[in-house]
Amino acid sequence: MKDSETHGQVPFGFEYHFELERDGVLVDEWVVHNLVPLQGLNYIATACFGDVTAIGSWYVGVFTNNYIPSETSVAADFPATMGEFSGYSEVTRPAWDRVNTDGTLSNVASRATFTVTSNARLYGGVLLSSSAKASGSGTLLSAARFPTPRDIEAGMVLRVRAEVSFIPTSVV
């Protein structure tokens, strides 16, 4: 889409930074931009003005199915349709422990960590409001598909930083 078609608006969404380590050595890293599905957009729009109760805790997940997120994706899609990856030693989905720095929400100081216990091919990541593995409840805030699938092996560690920036704009 050309800038003239967006009327100078910057697209809204999250940016994910993935790091894959083996024996403490970084073996791969990549950055992915997301899609905020309607479920996430509606939550943001209503929570911002107090129409719904704000959700204080969000969680990071990764998926194994060759799934392409769409505007109609919802949290209920995550366990089966997206193929939630649960082959990691953490009991729950890792928390997105974010800090706000002048309009940028990021977990750079406390990245979500997956200690991998089984081999898998990953296709993308999500932010959602339920911490329980295999749960389709809650709200899907963001979904991002990797440009190419990533193979992971037991013993590796996957770290995820997710951030979103709210950018001040002026009306032209």
C-alpha atoms as a PDB file:
ATOM      1  CA  MET A   1       0.000   0.000   0.000  1.00  0.00           C
ATOM      2  CA  LYS A   2       1.383   3.401  -0.941  1.00  0.00           C
ATOM      3  CA  ASP A   3       1.730   6.139   1.656  1.00  0.00           C
ATOM      4  CA  SER A   4      -0.823   8.210  -0.231  1.00  0.00           C
ATOM      5  CA  GLU A   5      -3.327   5.358   0.159  1.00  0.00           C
ATOM      6  CA  THR A   6      -2.854   5.267   3.951  1.00  0.00           C
ATOM      7  CA  HIS A   7      -3.138   9.057   4.246  1.00  0.00           C
ATOM      8  CA  GLY A   8       0.240   9.191   5.987  1.00  0.00           C
ATOM      9  CA  GLN A   9      -0.768   6.683   8.681  1.00  0.00           C
ATOM     10  CA  VAL A  10       1.795   4.267  10.027  1.00  0.00           C
ATOM     11  CA  PRO A  11       0.477   0.682  10.209  1.00  0.00           C
ATOM     12  CA  PHE A  12      -0.177  -0.435  13.784  1.00  0.00           C
ATOM     13  CA  GLY A  13       1.268  -3.632  15.091  1.00  0.00           C
ATOM     14  CA  PHE A  14       3.844  -5.540  17.040  1.00  0.00           C
ATOM     15  CA  GLU A  15       7.377  -6.432  16.096  1.00  0.00           C
ATOM     16  CA  TYR A  16       8.802  -9.717  17.321  1.00  0.00           C
ATOM     17  CA  HIS A  17      12.520 -10.431  17.757  1.00  0.00           C
ATOM     18  CA  PHE A  18      13.300 -14.152  17.987  1.00  0.00           C
ATOM     19  CA  GLU A  19      16.624 -15.577  19.172  1.00  0.00           C
ATOM     20  CA  LEU A  20      17.469 -19.274  19.104  1.00  0.00           C
ATOM     21  CA  GLU A  21      20.350 -20.554  21.238  1.00  0.00           C
ATOM     22  CA  ARG A  22      22.102 -23.896  21.473  1.00  0.00           C
ATOM     23  CA  ASP A  23      24.435 -24.468  24.443  1.00  0.00           C
ATOM     24  CA  GLY A  24      24.378 -20.736  25.212  1.00  0.00           C
ATOM     25  CA  VAL A  25      25.437 -19.770  21.681  1.00  0.00           C
ATOM     26  CA  LEU A  26      23.157 -17.751  19.397  1.00  0.00           C
ATOM     27  CA  VAL A  27      22.510 -19.892  16.287  1.00  0.00           C
ATOM     28  CA  ASP A  28      19.686 -17.955  14.634  1.00  0.00           C
ATOM     29  CA  GLU A  29      17.750 -14.721  15.002  1.00  0.00           C
ATOM     30  CA  TRP A  30      14.982 -13.073  13.023  1.00  0.00           C
ATOM     31  CA  VAL A  31      12.475 -10.236  13.182  1.00  0.00           C
ATOM     32  CA  VAL A  32       8.802 -10.529  12.253  1.00  0.00           C
ATOM     33  CA  HIS A  33       6.041  -7.945  11.976  1.00  0.00           C
ATOM     34  CA  ASN A  34       2.578  -9.005  12.929  1.00  0.00           C
ATOM     35  CA  LEU A  35      -1.087  -8.824  12.223  1.00  0.00           C
ATOM     36  CA  VAL A  36      -3.391  -7.463  14.900  1.00  0.00           C
ATOM     37  CA  PRO A  37      -6.598  -9.408  14.194  1.00  0.00           C
ATOM     38  CA  LEU A  38     -10.042  -7.922  14.753  1.00  0.00           C
ATOM     39  CA  GLN A  39     -10.257  -9.614  18.150  1.00  0.00           C
ATOM     40  CA  GLY A  40      -7.139  -7.683  19.228  1.00  0.00           C
ATOM     41  CA  LEU A  41      -8.186  -4.404  17.598  1.00  0.00           C
ATOM     42  CA  ASN A  42     -11.625  -4.550  19.205  1.00  0.00           C
ATOM     43  CA  TYR A  43     -10.054  -5.261  22.584  1.00  0.00           C
ATOM     44  CA  ILE A  44      -7.632  -2.309  22.259  1.00  0.00           C
ATOM     45  CA  ALA A  45     -10.402   0.049  21.134  1.00  0.00           C
ATOM     46  CA  THR A  46     -12.773  -0.886  23.944  1.00  0.00           C
ATOM     47  CA  ALA A  47     -10.240  -1.259  26.771  1.00  0.00           C
ATOM     48  CA  CYS A  48      -8.664   2.099  25.967  1.00  0.00           C
ATOM     49  CA  PHE A  49     -11.912   3.887  26.821  1.00  0.00           C
ATOM     50  CA  GLY A  50     -12.960   1.681  29.727  1.00  0.00           C
ATOM     51  CA  ASP A  51     -15.728  -0.149  27.862  1.00  0.00           C
ATOM     52  CA  VAL A  52     -14.204  -3.494  28.930  1.00  0.00           C
ATOM     53  CA  THR A  53     -11.934  -4.416  31.804  1.00  0.00           C
ATOM     54  CA  ALA A  54      -8.259  -4.071  30.930  1.00  0.00           C
ATOM     55  CA  ILE A  55      -6.275  -7.309  30.717  1.00  0.00           C
ATOM     56  CA  GLY A  56      -3.113  -6.929  32.765  1.00  0.00           C
ATOM     57  CA  SER A  57      -1.243 -10.082  31.760  1.00  0.00           C
ATOM     58  CA  TRP A  58      -0.337 -11.276  28.278  1.00  0.00           C
ATOM     59  CA  TYR A  59       1.543 -14.368  27.162  1.00  0.00           C
ATOM     60  CA  VAL A  60       3.746 -15.405  24.248  1.00  0.00           C
ATOM     61  CA  GLY A  61       3.123 -18.560  22.247  1.00  0.00           C
ATOM     62  CA  VAL A  62       4.557 -20.154  19.110  1.00  0.00           C
ATOM     63  CA  PHE A  63       2.819 -22.377  16.585  1.00  0.00           C
ATOM     64  CA  THR A  64       3.721 -25.392  14.439  1.00  0.00           C
ATOM     65  CA  ASN A  65       1.033 -25.526  11.763  1.00  0.00           C
ATOM     66  CA  ASN A  66       1.477 -23.942   8.345  1.00  0.00           C
ATOM     67  CA  TYR A  67      -1.097 -21.314   9.332  1.00  0.00           C
ATOM     68  CA  ILE A  68      -1.478 -17.839   7.889  1.00  0.00           C
ATOM     69  CA  PRO A  69      -2.952 -15.410  10.461  1.00  0.00           C
ATOM     70  CA  SER A  70      -5.884 -13.362   9.201  1.00  0.00           C
ATOM     71  CA  GLU A  71      -8.082 -10.571  10.489  1.00  0.00           C
ATOM     72  CA  THR A  72     -10.557 -13.209  11.694  1.00  0.00           C
ATOM     73  CA  SER A  73      -8.003 -15.181  13.762  1.00  0.00           C
ATOM     74  CA  VAL A  74      -9.030 -15.581  17.416  1.00  0.00           C
ATOM     75  CA  ALA A  75      -7.548 -17.141  20.569  1.00  0.00           C
ATOM     76  CA  ALA A  76      -9.708 -20.260  20.062  1.00  0.00           C
ATOM     77  CA  ASP A  77      -7.690 -20.931  16.856  1.00  0.00           C
ATOM     78  CA  PHE A  78      -4.374 -21.136  18.687  1.00  0.00           C
ATOM     79  CA  PRO A  79      -4.268 -24.633  20.213  1.00  0.00           C
ATOM     80  CA  ALA A  80      -5.438 -26.735  17.264  1.00  0.00           C
ATOM     81  CA  THR A  81      -5.791 -24.644  14.103  1.00  0.00           C
ATOM     82  CA  MET A  82      -2.476 -22.806  14.533  1.00  0.00           C
ATOM     83  CA  GLY A  83      -0.936 -25.818  16.256  1.00  0.00           C
ATOM     84  CA  GLU A  84       0.365 -24.476  19.550  1.00  0.00           C
ATOM     85  CA  PHE A  85       3.873 -25.687  20.290  1.00  0.00           C
ATOM     86  CA  SER A  86       3.954 -27.006  23.848  1.00  0.00           C
ATOM     87  CA  GLY A  87       7.230 -28.932  23.782  1.00  0.00           C
ATOM     88  CA  TYR A  88       8.998 -26.734  26.319  1.00  0.00           C
ATOM     89  CA  SER A  89       9.709 -27.163  30.006  1.00  0.00           C
ATOM     90  CA  GLU A  90       7.935 -24.052  31.304  1.00  0.00           C
ATOM     91  CA  VAL A  91       4.627 -25.018  32.966  1.00  0.00           C
ATOM     92  CA  THR A  92       2.677 -22.165  31.338  1.00  0.00           C
ATOM     93  CA  ARG A  93       3.104 -19.936  28.325  1.00  0.00           C
ATOM     94  CA  PRO A  94       5.863 -17.407  29.009  1.00  0.00           C
ATOM     95  CA  ALA A  95       4.620 -14.017  30.198  1.00  0.00           C
ATOM     96  CA  TRP A  96       5.048 -10.865  28.143  1.00  0.00           C
ATOM     97  CA  ASP A  97       6.569  -8.816  30.977  1.00  0.00           C
ATOM     98  CA  ARG A  98       6.573  -5.453  29.283  1.00  0.00           C
ATOM     99  CA  VAL A  99       7.659  -1.990  30.317  1.00  0.00           C
ATOM    100  CA  ASN A 100       6.360   1.260  28.830  1.00  0.00           C
ATOM    101  CA  THR A 101       9.097   3.654  27.732  1.00  0.00           C
ATOM    102  CA  ASP A 102       7.649   6.791  26.149  1.00  0.00           C
ATOM    103  CA  GLY A 103       4.943   4.952  24.221  1.00  0.00           C
ATOM    104  CA  THR A 104       6.901   1.795  23.402  1.00  0.00           C
ATOM    105  CA  LEU A 105       5.788  -1.336  25.232  1.00  0.00           C
ATOM    106  CA  SER A 106       8.545  -3.949  25.201  1.00  0.00           C
ATOM    107  CA  ASN A 107       9.776  -6.959  27.126  1.00  0.00           C
ATOM    108  CA  VAL A 108      13.402  -6.318  26.113  1.00  0.00           C
ATOM    109  CA  ALA A 109      14.498  -6.535  29.768  1.00  0.00           C
ATOM    110  CA  SER A 110      12.622  -9.797  30.375  1.00  0.00           C
ATOM    111  CA  ARG A 111      12.236 -11.730  27.148  1.00  0.00           C
ATOM    112  CA  ALA A 112       9.835 -14.662  26.994  1.00  0.00           C
ATOM    113  CA  THR A 113      11.858 -17.874  27.195  1.00  0.00           C
ATOM    114  CA  PHE A 114      11.016 -21.339  25.893  1.00  0.00           C
ATOM    115  CA  THR A 115      13.330 -24.150  27.050  1.00  0.00           C
ATOM    116  CA  VAL A 116      12.735 -26.590  24.199  1.00  0.00           C
ATOM    117  CA  THR A 117      12.154 -30.265  25.090  1.00  0.00           C
ATOM    118  CA  SER A 118      11.061 -31.635  21.698  1.00  0.00           C
ATOM    119  CA  ASN A 119      11.972 -31.072  18.075  1.00  0.00           C
ATOM    120  CA  ALA A 120       9.550 -29.068  15.953  1.00  0.00           C
ATOM    121  CA  ARG A 121       9.141 -26.822  12.961  1.00  0.00           C
ATOM    122  CA  LEU A 122       7.781 -23.405  13.962  1.00  0.00           C
ATOM    123  CA  TYR A 123       5.771 -21.135  11.682  1.00  0.00           C
ATOM    124  CA  GLY A 124       4.983 -18.134  13.893  1.00  0.00           C
ATOM    125  CA  GLY A 125       4.229 -16.542  17.223  1.00  0.00           C
ATOM    126  CA  VAL A 126       1.355 -14.906  19.092  1.00  0.00           C
ATOM    127  CA  LEU A 127       0.440 -12.733  22.056  1.00  0.00           C
ATOM    128  CA  LEU A 128      -2.666 -13.802  23.918  1.00  0.00           C
ATOM    129  CA  SER A 129      -4.306 -13.342  27.296  1.00  0.00           C
ATOM    130  CA  SER A 130      -4.407 -16.943  28.557  1.00  0.00           C
ATOM    131  CA  SER A 131      -1.346 -18.461  30.241  1.00  0.00           C
ATOM    132  CA  ALA A 132      -2.503 -22.092  30.111  1.00  0.00           C
ATOM    133  CA  LYS A 133      -0.944 -24.325  27.477  1.00  0.00           C
ATOM    134  CA  ALA A 134      -3.594 -25.745  25.111  1.00  0.00           C
ATOM    135  CA  SER A 135      -6.143 -23.107  26.135  1.00  0.00           C
ATOM    136  CA  GLY A 136      -8.203 -21.426  23.433  1.00  0.00           C
ATOM    137  CA  SER A 137      -9.778 -18.978  25.850  1.00  0.00           C
ATOM    138  CA  GLY A 138      -9.039 -15.295  26.143  1.00  0.00           C
ATOM    139  CA  THR A 139      -8.045 -12.709  23.570  1.00  0.00           C
ATOM    140  CA  LEU A 140      -5.614 -12.971  20.662  1.00  0.00           C
ATOM    141  CA  LEU A 141      -3.825  -9.623  20.583  1.00  0.00           C
ATOM    142  CA  SER A 142      -1.274 -10.339  17.881  1.00  0.00           C
ATOM    143  CA  ALA A 143      -0.186 -13.078  15.479  1.00  0.00           C
ATOM    144  CA  ALA A 144       2.959 -13.147  13.355  1.00  0.00           C
ATOM    145  CA  ARG A 145       4.015 -15.666  10.722  1.00  0.00           C
ATOM    146  CA  PHE A 146       7.718 -16.246  10.122  1.00  0.00           C
ATOM    147  CA  PRO A 147       9.019 -15.444   6.620  1.00  0.00           C
ATOM    148  CA  THR A 148      10.411 -19.010   6.578  1.00  0.00           C
ATOM    149  CA  PRO A 149       9.711 -21.850   9.031  1.00  0.00           C
ATOM    150  CA  ARG A 150      12.320 -22.435  11.747  1.00  0.00           C
ATOM    151  CA  ASP A 151      13.364 -25.886  12.953  1.00  0.00           C
ATOM    152  CA  ILE A 152      14.105 -26.196  16.653  1.00  0.00           C
ATOM    153  CA  GLU A 153      15.573 -29.090  18.601  1.00  0.00           C
ATOM    154  CA  ALA A 154      15.329 -30.342  22.159  1.00  0.00           C
ATOM    155  CA  GLY A 155      17.912 -28.590  24.305  1.00  0.00           C
ATOM    156  CA  MET A 156      17.660 -25.267  22.473  1.00  0.00           C
ATOM    157  CA  VAL A 157      16.357 -22.072  24.059  1.00  0.00           C
ATOM    158  CA  LEU A 158      14.029 -19.741  22.178  1.00  0.00           C
ATOM    159  CA  ARG A 159      13.819 -16.156  23.451  1.00  0.00           C
ATOM    160  CA  VAL A 160      11.168 -13.740  22.227  1.00  0.00           C
ATOM    161  CA  ARG A 161      11.016  -9.970  22.527  1.00  0.00           C
ATOM    162  CA  ALA A 162       7.727  -8.419  21.465  1.00  0.00           C
ATOM    163  CA  GLU A 163       7.114  -4.697  21.276  1.00  0.00           C
ATOM    164  CA  VAL A 164       4.652  -2.164  20.014  1.00  0.00           C
ATOM    165  CA  SER A 165       5.144   1.589  19.638  1.00  0.00           C
ATOM    166  CA  PHE A 166       2.447   4.212  19.790  1.00  0.00           C
ATOM    167  CA  ILE A 167       3.651   7.020  17.546  1.00  0.00           C
ATOM    168  CA  PRO A 168       2.322  10.565  17.894  1.00  0.00           C
ATOM    169  CA  THR A 169       0.972  11.885  14.616  1.00  0.00           C
ATOM    170  CA  SER A 170      -0.491  15.136  13.376  1.00  0.00           C
ATOM    171  CA  VAL A 171      -3.469  15.689  11.141  1.00  0.00           C
ATOM    172  CA  VAL A 172      -2.543  17.019   7.719  1.00  0.00           C
END
